[in-house]
C-alpha atoms as a PDB file:
ATOM      1  CA  MET A   1       4.045  35.371   5.247  1.00  0.00           C
ATOM      2  CA  SER A   2       6.147  36.708   8.077  1.00  0.00           C
ATOM      3  CA  GLU A   3       8.695  34.674   9.997  1.00  0.00           C
ATOM      4  CA  GLN A   4       6.437  34.529  13.052  1.00  0.00           C
ATOM      5  CA  ASP A   5       3.483  33.191  11.041  1.00  0.00           C
ATOM      6  CA  THR A   6       5.660  30.465   9.546  1.00  0.00           C
ATOM      7  CA  PHE A   7       6.831  29.452  13.013  1.00  0.00           C
ATOM      8  CA  TRP A   8       3.286  29.005  14.289  1.00  0.00           C
ATOM      9  CA  ILE A   9       2.220  27.064  11.201  1.00  0.00           C
ATOM     10  CA  LYS A  10       5.172  24.685  11.608  1.00  0.00           C
ATOM     11  CA  LEU A  11       4.472  24.297  15.324  1.00  0.00           C
ATOM     12  CA  GLY A  12       0.789  23.612  14.718  1.00  0.00           C
ATOM     13  CA  GLN A  13       1.520  21.102  11.985  1.00  0.00           C
ATOM     14  CA  ARG A  14       4.053  19.227  14.118  1.00  0.00           C
ATOM     15  CA  GLY A  15       1.761  19.286  17.136  1.00  0.00           C
ATOM     16  CA  PHE A  16      -1.221  17.986  15.181  1.00  0.00           C
ATOM     17  CA  GLY A  17       0.967  15.334  13.544  1.00  0.00           C
ATOM     18  CA  LEU A  18       2.226  14.180  16.932  1.00  0.00           C
ATOM     19  CA  LEU A  19      -1.336  14.074  18.261  1.00  0.00           C
ATOM     20  CA  LEU A  20      -2.485  11.974  15.298  1.00  0.00           C
ATOM     21  CA  LEU A  21       0.508   9.686  15.717  1.00  0.00           C
ATOM     22  CA  VAL A  22      -0.309   9.024  19.369  1.00  0.00           C
ATOM     23  CA  ILE A  23      -4.010   8.501  18.637  1.00  0.00           C
ATOM     24  CA  GLY A  24      -3.168   6.086  15.807  1.00  0.00           C
ATOM     25  CA  VAL A  25      -0.823   4.045  18.006  1.00  0.00           C
ATOM     26  CA  VAL A  26      -3.393   3.850  20.809  1.00  0.00           C
ATOM     27  CA  MET A  27      -6.154   2.867  18.360  1.00  0.00           C
ATOM     28  CA  LEU A  28      -3.941   0.195  16.825  1.00  0.00           C
ATOM     29  CA  TYR A  29      -2.973  -1.141  20.262  1.00  0.00           C
ATOM     30  CA  PHE A  30      -6.590  -1.455  21.403  1.00  0.00           C
ATOM     31  CA  THR A  31      -7.612  -2.987  18.084  1.00  0.00           C
ATOM     32  CA  LEU A  32      -4.898  -5.638  18.262  1.00  0.00           C
ATOM     33  CA  THR A  33      -5.512  -6.460  21.929  1.00  0.00           C
ATOM     34  CA  SER A  34      -9.263  -6.937  21.486  1.00  0.00           C
ATOM     35  CA  LEU A  35      -9.499  -8.954  18.285  1.00  0.00           C
ATOM     36  CA  THR A  36     -11.962 -11.454  19.759  1.00  0.00           C
ATOM     37  CA  GLU A  37     -14.401  -8.763  20.933  1.00  0.00           C
ATOM     38  CA  LEU A  38     -14.309  -6.910  17.624  1.00  0.00           C
ATOM     39  CA  ALA A  39     -14.648 -10.114  15.583  1.00  0.00           C
ATOM     40  CA  ALA A  40     -15.599  -9.128  12.027  1.00  0.00           C
ATOM     41  CA  PHE A  41     -14.794  -5.436  12.525  1.00  0.00           C
ATOM     42  CA  SER A  42     -11.162  -5.909  13.559  1.00  0.00           C
ATOM     43  CA  GLY A  43      -9.920  -5.413   9.994  1.00  0.00           C
ATOM     44  CA  PHE A  44     -11.949  -2.239   9.608  1.00  0.00           C
ATOM     45  CA  PHE A  45     -10.692  -0.696  12.842  1.00  0.00           C
ATOM     46  CA  GLY A  46      -7.149  -1.835  12.092  1.00  0.00           C
ATOM     47  CA  PHE A  47      -7.333  -0.113   8.708  1.00  0.00           C
ATOM     48  CA  LEU A  48      -8.636   3.111  10.279  1.00  0.00           C
ATOM     49  CA  SER A  49      -5.859   2.994  12.866  1.00  0.00           C
ATOM     50  CA  VAL A  50      -3.182   2.635  10.216  1.00  0.00           C
ATOM     51  CA  ILE A  51      -4.672   5.540   8.222  1.00  0.00           C
ATOM     52  CA  VAL A  52      -4.544   7.844  11.273  1.00  0.00           C
ATOM     53  CA  LEU A  53      -1.009   6.662  12.048  1.00  0.00           C
ATOM     54  CA  VAL A  54       0.189   7.349   8.490  1.00  0.00           C
ATOM     55  CA  LEU A  55      -1.427  10.803   8.486  1.00  0.00           C
ATOM     56  CA  GLY A  56       0.437  11.650  11.682  1.00  0.00           C
ATOM     57  CA  ILE A  57       3.740  10.505  10.197  1.00  0.00           C
ATOM     58  CA  VAL A  58       3.139  12.495   7.006  1.00  0.00           C
ATOM     59  CA  LEU A  59       2.376  15.648   8.998  1.00  0.00           C
ATOM     60  CA  LEU A  60       5.585  15.202  11.009  1.00  0.00           C
ATOM     61  CA  ILE A  61       7.713  14.693   7.897  1.00  0.00           C
ATOM     62  CA  ALA A  62       6.127  17.252   5.542  1.00  0.00           C
ATOM     63  CA  LYS A  63       7.496  20.783   5.325  1.00  0.00           C
ATOM     64  CA  PRO A  64       4.977  23.608   5.279  1.00  0.00           C
ATOM     65  CA  PRO A  65       5.174  26.155   2.456  1.00  0.00           C
ATOM     66  CA  GLU A  66       7.493  29.081   3.110  1.00  0.00           C
END
């Protein structure tokens, strides 16, 4: 892979990780602020929010192959 290809892969990975991180935080915020409306599904949506948040963090931390 050329140097330019590696740059774009890193940029895409970081950008997608940041996007997932923001979406996970927003999902978690809305889940925690509307626990009464969600009732029995609050645990499910909280779990999904944490999964998206963790995926975003992993993408930000991970190094792409060189």
